[in-house]
Each structure stands twice: as C-alpha cells, then as structure tokens.
Protein backbone atom coordinates (compact mmCIF):
# COMPACT_ATOMS: atom_id res chain seq x y z
CA UNK A 1 -28.67 -68.28 70.78
CA UNK A 2 -27.63 -71.16 68.55
CA UNK A 3 -24.13 -72.62 68.58
CA UNK A 4 -22.51 -71.11 65.49
CA UNK A 5 -19.09 -72.76 65.89
CA UNK A 6 -17.72 -74.89 63.05
CA UNK A 7 -14.46 -76.69 62.29
CA UNK A 8 -12.37 -76.57 59.11
CA UNK A 9 -9.96 -79.44 59.65
CA UNK A 10 -8.07 -78.56 62.85
CA UNK A 11 -9.22 -74.95 62.58
CA UNK A 12 -11.97 -73.92 65.01
CA UNK A 13 -14.19 -71.02 63.95
CA UNK A 14 -16.49 -69.26 66.42
CA UNK A 15 -18.98 -68.85 63.55
CA UNK A 16 -19.05 -69.76 59.85
CA UNK A 17 -18.59 -66.20 58.51
CA UNK A 18 -15.22 -65.28 57.01
CA UNK A 19 -14.03 -62.59 54.61
CA UNK A 20 -12.85 -63.27 51.07
CA UNK A 21 -9.30 -62.39 50.14
CA UNK A 22 -8.82 -59.10 48.32
CA UNK A 23 -12.02 -57.55 49.62
CA UNK A 24 -11.10 -56.90 53.25
CA UNK A 25 -7.50 -55.70 53.12
CA UNK A 26 -5.64 -56.99 56.16
CA UNK A 27 -8.69 -56.57 58.38
CA UNK A 28 -7.32 -53.42 60.00
CA UNK A 29 -9.07 -51.29 57.38
CA UNK A 30 -12.45 -52.44 58.75
CA UNK A 31 -11.83 -52.18 62.48
CA UNK A 32 -13.71 -48.85 62.73
CA UNK A 33 -16.82 -50.49 61.27
CA UNK A 34 -17.10 -53.89 62.97
CA UNK A 35 -15.56 -55.85 65.86
CA UNK A 36 -13.04 -57.98 63.99
CA UNK A 37 -13.14 -60.62 66.72
CA UNK A 38 -16.80 -61.18 65.88
CA UNK A 39 -15.89 -63.04 62.69
CA UNK A 40 -15.02 -66.69 62.25
CA UNK A 41 -11.96 -65.75 60.22
CA UNK A 42 -10.35 -63.06 58.12
CA UNK A 43 -8.60 -64.06 54.89
CA UNK A 44 -6.15 -61.29 54.09
CA UNK A 45 -5.23 -60.09 50.62
CA UNK A 46 -3.15 -62.24 48.31
CA UNK A 47 0.51 -62.61 49.23
CA UNK A 48 3.31 -63.70 46.90
CA UNK A 49 6.95 -64.64 47.39
CA UNK A 50 8.20 -61.44 45.73
CA UNK A 51 6.55 -57.99 45.57
CA UNK A 52 4.09 -57.45 42.73
CA UNK A 53 2.94 -54.18 41.20
CA UNK A 54 -0.28 -55.60 39.79
CA UNK A 55 -1.83 -54.64 36.47
CA UNK A 56 -2.15 -51.17 34.96
CA UNK A 57 -5.24 -49.08 35.60
CA UNK A 58 -8.15 -49.22 34.98
CA UNK A 59 -8.49 -52.53 36.77
CA UNK A 60 -12.01 -52.47 38.20
CA UNK A 61 -15.34 -52.05 36.42
CA UNK A 62 -18.92 -52.23 37.63
CA UNK A 63 -21.26 -54.61 35.83
CA UNK A 64 -24.92 -55.57 36.19
CA UNK A 65 -25.13 -57.51 39.44
CA UNK A 66 -21.44 -57.42 40.20
CA UNK A 67 -18.00 -56.16 39.32
CA UNK A 68 -14.96 -57.08 37.25
CA UNK A 69 -11.41 -56.77 38.55
CA UNK A 70 -7.92 -57.39 37.22
CA UNK A 71 -5.94 -55.99 40.15
CA UNK A 72 -3.25 -58.59 39.56
CA UNK A 73 -2.29 -59.56 43.13
CA UNK A 74 -0.59 -56.26 43.98
CA UNK A 75 1.30 -56.73 47.26
CA UNK A 76 4.68 -56.08 48.84
CA UNK A 77 5.71 -59.71 49.17
CA UNK A 78 5.77 -62.26 51.96
CA UNK A 79 8.82 -60.85 53.74
CA UNK A 80 7.13 -57.45 54.05
CA UNK A 81 4.00 -59.20 55.31
CA UNK A 82 5.98 -61.07 57.96
CA UNK A 83 7.90 -58.03 59.19
CA UNK A 84 5.31 -55.24 58.88
CA UNK A 85 1.76 -56.62 58.63
CA UNK A 86 1.92 -59.68 60.87
CA UNK A 87 2.86 -57.70 64.02
CA UNK A 88 -0.22 -55.53 63.50
CA UNK A 89 -2.72 -58.36 63.03
CA UNK A 90 -1.36 -61.25 65.10
CA UNK A 91 -3.36 -60.37 68.23
CA UNK A 92 -6.76 -60.00 66.54
CA UNK A 93 -8.94 -62.58 68.28
CA UNK A 94 -10.04 -64.54 65.24
CA UNK A 95 -8.45 -66.83 62.67
CA UNK A 96 -6.12 -64.70 60.55
CA UNK A 97 -5.61 -66.62 57.30
CA UNK A 98 -3.21 -65.68 54.50
CA UNK A 99 -4.12 -66.13 50.85
CA UNK A 100 -1.00 -67.40 49.02
CA UNK A 101 -0.33 -67.02 45.30
CA UNK A 102 2.58 -67.88 43.02
CA UNK A 103 3.83 -68.58 39.51
CA UNK A 104 5.33 -72.03 40.18
CA UNK A 105 4.88 -74.78 42.75
CA UNK A 106 8.26 -73.79 44.20
CA UNK A 107 7.09 -70.17 44.65
CA UNK A 108 3.97 -71.29 46.44
CA UNK A 109 5.90 -73.66 48.70
CA UNK A 110 8.53 -71.11 49.68
CA UNK A 111 5.91 -68.45 50.43
CA UNK A 112 3.89 -70.95 52.49
CA UNK A 113 6.99 -72.05 54.40
CA UNK A 114 7.69 -68.50 55.54
CA UNK A 115 4.11 -68.09 56.72
CA UNK A 116 4.30 -71.48 58.44
CA UNK A 117 6.80 -69.93 60.86
CA UNK A 118 4.27 -67.32 62.04
CA UNK A 119 2.75 -68.65 65.25
CA UNK A 120 -0.57 -66.82 65.05
CA UNK A 121 -1.42 -67.57 61.42
CA UNK A 122 -3.24 -70.92 61.77
CA UNK A 123 -4.08 -71.50 58.11
CA UNK A 124 -3.44 -70.46 54.52
CA UNK A 125 -5.70 -70.37 51.49
CA UNK A 126 -4.00 -71.31 48.23
CA UNK A 127 -5.05 -69.31 45.18
CA UNK A 128 -4.51 -71.80 42.37
CA UNK A 129 -6.19 -69.54 39.81
CA UNK A 130 -2.77 -67.98 39.12
CA UNK A 131 -1.11 -68.44 35.72
CA UNK A 132 1.53 -71.15 35.48
CA UNK A 133 4.44 -69.24 33.98
CA UNK A 134 6.29 -72.42 33.03
CA UNK A 135 3.24 -73.81 31.24
CA UNK A 136 2.36 -70.93 28.94
CA UNK A 137 0.18 -68.96 31.33
CA UNK A 138 -2.62 -71.47 31.89
CA UNK A 139 -3.93 -71.26 35.44
CA UNK A 140 -2.83 -74.05 37.77
CA UNK A 141 -6.40 -74.54 38.92
CA UNK A 142 -7.88 -75.51 35.56
CA UNK A 143 -6.21 -78.94 35.34
CA UNK A 144 -6.02 -81.74 37.87
CA UNK A 145 -2.28 -82.10 37.35
CA UNK A 146 -1.64 -78.37 37.77
CA UNK A 147 -3.73 -78.09 40.91
CA UNK A 148 -2.23 -81.24 42.39
CA UNK A 149 1.34 -80.07 41.72
CA UNK A 150 0.86 -76.90 43.74
CA UNK A 151 -0.87 -78.62 46.66
CA UNK A 152 1.74 -81.38 46.78
CA UNK A 153 4.60 -78.87 46.93
CA UNK A 154 2.91 -76.73 49.57
CA UNK A 155 1.85 -79.68 51.70
CA UNK A 156 5.52 -80.67 52.09
CA UNK A 157 6.44 -77.16 53.25
CA UNK A 158 3.37 -76.16 55.26
CA UNK A 159 2.13 -77.95 58.37
CA UNK A 160 -1.03 -76.12 59.43
CA UNK A 161 -4.54 -76.01 57.96
CA UNK A 162 -4.39 -75.85 54.17
CA UNK A 163 -7.43 -74.52 52.28
CA UNK A 164 -7.33 -74.62 48.48
CA UNK A 165 -9.36 -72.02 46.57
CA UNK A 166 -10.79 -73.50 43.39
CA UNK A 167 -11.30 -71.82 40.04
CA UNK A 168 -14.78 -72.04 38.48
CA UNK A 169 -13.34 -71.68 34.97
CA UNK A 170 -13.20 -75.44 34.47
CA UNK A 171 -15.26 -78.24 32.96
CA UNK A 172 -15.53 -80.39 36.10
CA UNK A 173 -14.79 -78.64 39.39
CA UNK A 174 -15.47 -81.80 41.42
CA UNK A 175 -12.61 -83.52 39.61
CA UNK A 176 -10.22 -80.69 40.60
CA UNK A 177 -11.48 -80.84 44.19
CA UNK A 178 -10.77 -84.56 44.42
CA UNK A 179 -7.27 -84.00 43.00
CA UNK A 180 -6.32 -81.45 45.68
CA UNK A 181 -7.92 -83.57 48.40
CA UNK A 182 -5.71 -86.48 47.33
CA UNK A 183 -2.59 -84.32 47.72
CA UNK A 184 -3.40 -83.29 51.28
CA UNK A 185 -5.74 -80.28 51.19
CA UNK A 186 -7.59 -79.93 54.51
CA UNK A 187 -10.45 -78.02 52.88
CA UNK A 188 -11.46 -76.37 49.62
CA UNK A 189 -12.99 -72.93 49.11
CA UNK A 190 -15.02 -72.00 46.06
CA UNK A 191 -15.61 -70.23 43.87
CA UNK A 192 -12.93 -67.84 42.76
CA UNK A 193 -14.03 -65.26 40.18
CA UNK A 194 -15.48 -66.15 36.80
CA UNK A 195 -13.65 -64.80 33.76
CA UNK A 196 -15.51 -61.89 32.19
CA UNK A 197 -15.28 -58.74 30.06
CA UNK A 198 -16.93 -55.35 29.65
CA UNK A 199 -16.68 -52.92 26.72
CA UNK A 200 -17.04 -49.13 26.47
CA UNK A 201 -18.95 -48.78 23.20
CA UNK A 202 -18.19 -45.05 22.84
CA UNK A 203 -14.42 -45.51 23.16
CA UNK A 204 -14.56 -48.90 21.42
CA UNK A 205 -12.27 -50.32 24.06
CA UNK A 206 -12.54 -52.79 26.89
CA UNK A 207 -13.06 -51.26 30.32
CA UNK A 208 -10.15 -53.17 31.89
CA UNK A 209 -6.49 -52.59 31.05
CA UNK A 210 -5.87 -56.25 30.23
CA UNK A 211 -9.27 -56.74 28.54
CA UNK A 212 -10.59 -59.49 30.80
CA UNK A 213 -11.02 -59.80 34.54
CA UNK A 214 -12.65 -61.73 37.33
CA UNK A 215 -16.41 -61.36 37.76
CA UNK A 216 -17.72 -61.35 41.33
CA UNK A 217 -20.85 -60.26 43.17
CA UNK A 218 -24.51 -61.39 43.12
CA UNK A 219 -24.36 -62.29 39.42
CA UNK A 220 -22.14 -65.33 40.15
CA UNK A 221 -24.12 -66.70 43.11
CA UNK A 222 -26.21 -69.34 41.28
CA UNK A 223 -23.06 -70.74 39.62
CA UNK A 224 -21.15 -70.71 42.91
CA UNK A 225 -24.01 -72.40 44.77
CA UNK A 226 -24.23 -75.17 42.17
CA UNK A 227 -20.47 -75.79 42.30
CA UNK A 228 -20.40 -75.88 46.11
CA UNK A 229 -23.22 -78.44 46.06
CA UNK A 230 -21.34 -80.58 43.51
CA UNK A 231 -18.02 -80.43 45.35
CA UNK A 232 -19.53 -81.10 48.78
CA UNK A 233 -20.89 -84.40 47.44
CA UNK A 234 -17.56 -85.29 45.80
CA UNK A 235 -15.03 -84.85 48.64
CA UNK A 236 -14.70 -85.82 52.28
CA UNK A 237 -13.04 -82.59 53.41
CA UNK A 238 -14.88 -79.40 54.44
CA UNK A 239 -16.05 -76.96 51.80
CA UNK A 240 -16.01 -73.18 52.24
CA UNK A 241 -18.56 -71.46 50.01
CA UNK A 242 -18.32 -68.02 48.44
CA UNK A 243 -19.62 -66.13 45.45
CA UNK A 244 -22.18 -63.35 45.62
CA UNK A 245 -23.11 -63.74 49.28
CA UNK A 246 -24.74 -60.48 50.44
CA UNK A 247 -27.29 -61.56 53.05
CA UNK A 248 -27.89 -64.17 55.72
CA UNK A 249 -30.30 -65.89 53.32
CA UNK A 250 -27.52 -66.20 50.75
CA UNK A 251 -25.17 -67.65 53.37
CA UNK A 252 -27.76 -70.16 54.59
CA UNK A 253 -28.27 -71.38 51.02
CA UNK A 254 -24.55 -72.15 50.78
CA UNK A 255 -24.60 -73.93 54.15
CA UNK A 256 -27.57 -76.03 53.06
CA UNK A 257 -25.76 -76.87 49.81
CA UNK A 258 -22.92 -78.38 51.84
CA UNK A 259 -20.59 -75.56 52.86
CA UNK A 260 -19.26 -75.76 56.41
CA UNK A 261 -18.36 -72.06 56.36
CA UNK A 262 -18.74 -69.13 53.96
CA UNK A 263 -16.74 -66.11 52.80
CA UNK A 264 -18.13 -62.68 51.98
CA UNK A 265 -16.31 -60.68 49.32
CA UNK A 266 -17.72 -58.02 47.00
CA UNK A 267 -20.52 -57.15 49.45
CA UNK A 268 -17.88 -55.66 51.77
CA UNK A 269 -17.45 -52.82 49.27
CA UNK A 270 -21.15 -51.96 49.53
CA UNK A 271 -21.55 -52.35 53.28
CA UNK A 272 -18.48 -52.64 55.54
CA UNK A 273 -20.63 -54.16 58.29
CA UNK A 274 -22.21 -56.87 56.11
CA UNK A 275 -20.24 -59.72 57.71
CA UNK A 276 -21.63 -59.06 61.19
CA UNK A 277 -25.13 -58.60 59.78
CA UNK A 278 -24.88 -61.97 58.03
CA UNK A 279 -23.57 -63.65 61.19
CA UNK A 280 -26.46 -62.27 63.25
CA UNK A 281 -28.95 -63.15 60.52
CA UNK A 282 -27.80 -66.78 60.48
CA UNK A 283 -28.22 -66.92 64.24
CA UNK A 284 -31.70 -65.41 64.06
CA UNK A 285 -32.80 -67.87 61.38
CA UNK A 286 -31.54 -70.82 63.43
CA UNK A 287 -33.37 -69.54 66.51
CA UNK A 288 -36.57 -68.97 64.53
CA UNK A 289 -36.42 -72.51 63.13
CA UNK A 290 -35.58 -74.27 66.38
CA UNK A 291 -32.03 -75.24 65.41
CA UNK A 292 -29.52 -75.64 68.24
CA UNK A 293 -26.41 -75.62 66.03
CA UNK A 294 -25.44 -74.38 62.59
CA UNK A 295 -24.24 -77.89 61.81
CA UNK A 296 -27.87 -79.06 61.66
CA UNK A 297 -28.38 -77.35 58.31
CA UNK A 298 -24.99 -77.99 56.67
CA UNK A 299 -25.62 -80.12 53.59
CA UNK A 300 -29.26 -80.68 54.47
CA UNK A 301 -30.60 -80.53 50.90
C-alpha cells in the first residue's frame, strides 16, 4: 500500500481525500455509510457569526452534468456550532475543518476567533465568495483587495491552519491566489461554484428562487482542473482541488495538476460512500504504477 499522507501547512492528512463544505453536513450524517476516520478531512457546512435562514425555496435544481444551488448558507451560527455541534464531532479521528463565511472582514474575524478556541478544530476554510454588504453586494473573492481584506482580518484573529476557498467567477484566479497568500493564507482551495441559471420554459420562470445559483458537479471539472493547474504554478502554498470530482481518476487528475489534496462535493449526493471509493482507487492506481507515495504524482504534469 502506498503512503497516502499529505500535509497542508501544519495540517497532517492521512490521505488527500476531504469532503467539500455544504455537501457532507457535519459528517455525522454519513457515519452509517462510511468510516469517517478513513478520510483525510471533513469540511463541515458553512458557519457564520449570526444564524442565517438561507434563501427561499426552491433553492436546488438539477442540470445536465451537475446541479445548481442557492441555499444561502443556512446555519444556526457559530455559537450554536460551538455549544451543540462541536461536542458531537470533536472526537472523530480525522481533521474536522469549519467553513467560515461572513458579510464583512470583521464578521469573518470574529467567527474565526471563536472557532480558534476549539481545541480539536485544527483548521478553517474561508468562503470568500460571500457578498460584501458594505460594497454593494460584490463578492469578496472577485477582487484582490476584497479577498486580501478578509484574509488579513482573519489572520490576526486565527492562529491555526487557514485555507482560503477561491471563487472561479473572476478574470484571473492566480492573481487572487497570490493576494491571499501575501496576507497569510496557509493554503488555497478551488474552485467554489460557478454562477449559473436554469429556466422552466412552461412556467416562464427561473428554477431557483433568486434566479441564479452556484453550478457544481461534473460539468465544472474541466474549468476547475485548469484553474488548479494555473494557481499551483502561481503560489508557493499548497492547493486543494475540487470541482466535479466523482472518481479516483478525477482525483488523480487534480493531483497531477498540482493539488496536494482534493475535496469531493456533489458526488456525495449520488453515492454516500464515494469518498472512500476514491481514496481506495487512488491507492490502487499508485500501487499499479509503482508509486510509493502520493506525493510522487502531485504537480507532475
């Protein structure tokens, strides 16, 4: 068996397979299907400083090769997470990582600070695809200055591994990656969802309550793979790749493009055991090709 362990900054993963936020709940929902300690990490659903109701229904729609969602970060807030969820997940033997969202750099920083106090949460993933309320609703992640402002604020308040999740809805994603690296990000993950739309032609209405939503699933994989390859060449920090990964072959492509680890998202809805299957498939491929470690193929193209 090959050595599947990888490092994301100071974070040690037993294998490169993690779950994408918003597709795996808090991990507990999947414990009847897979051994949770068999994953490299679990990134739990988005958490904000204050509770959020999310958007009105309908907020999910199936599309060719993927799905659209506009859930809107529905959650009960960081204090509820700390008091009710954390005690249930803190002893799972893998890296439990919290995805943090906000509407201002101050919101992000305060939320991160409260999670910083939790001993068994070794890392956070910053969702900078959130709208900047003070700046007319434009997402923080689409400008270098916006992305940098969030990372700078959080870096001052948070002292563990900081992963920044990048938006693909930009002109030059490598430029954004360099900006967050300069402000202290330990790693970047990409891509978040692509902005999309679907229309019901009989009702003459959009399928989602707020008209547009995030596209995920196999349809986005070629775009995600290209962006991971670009960013891996542009920064000196680890890259976590995600976007349409459904099989071990998909995951290996991302590793070869320069990702140190990967996240599986939409595929969890189709097969709740897909993460373990991908992990075992990576191992089998490495064995079949005479590789001793997964690191041998990272960035090999």
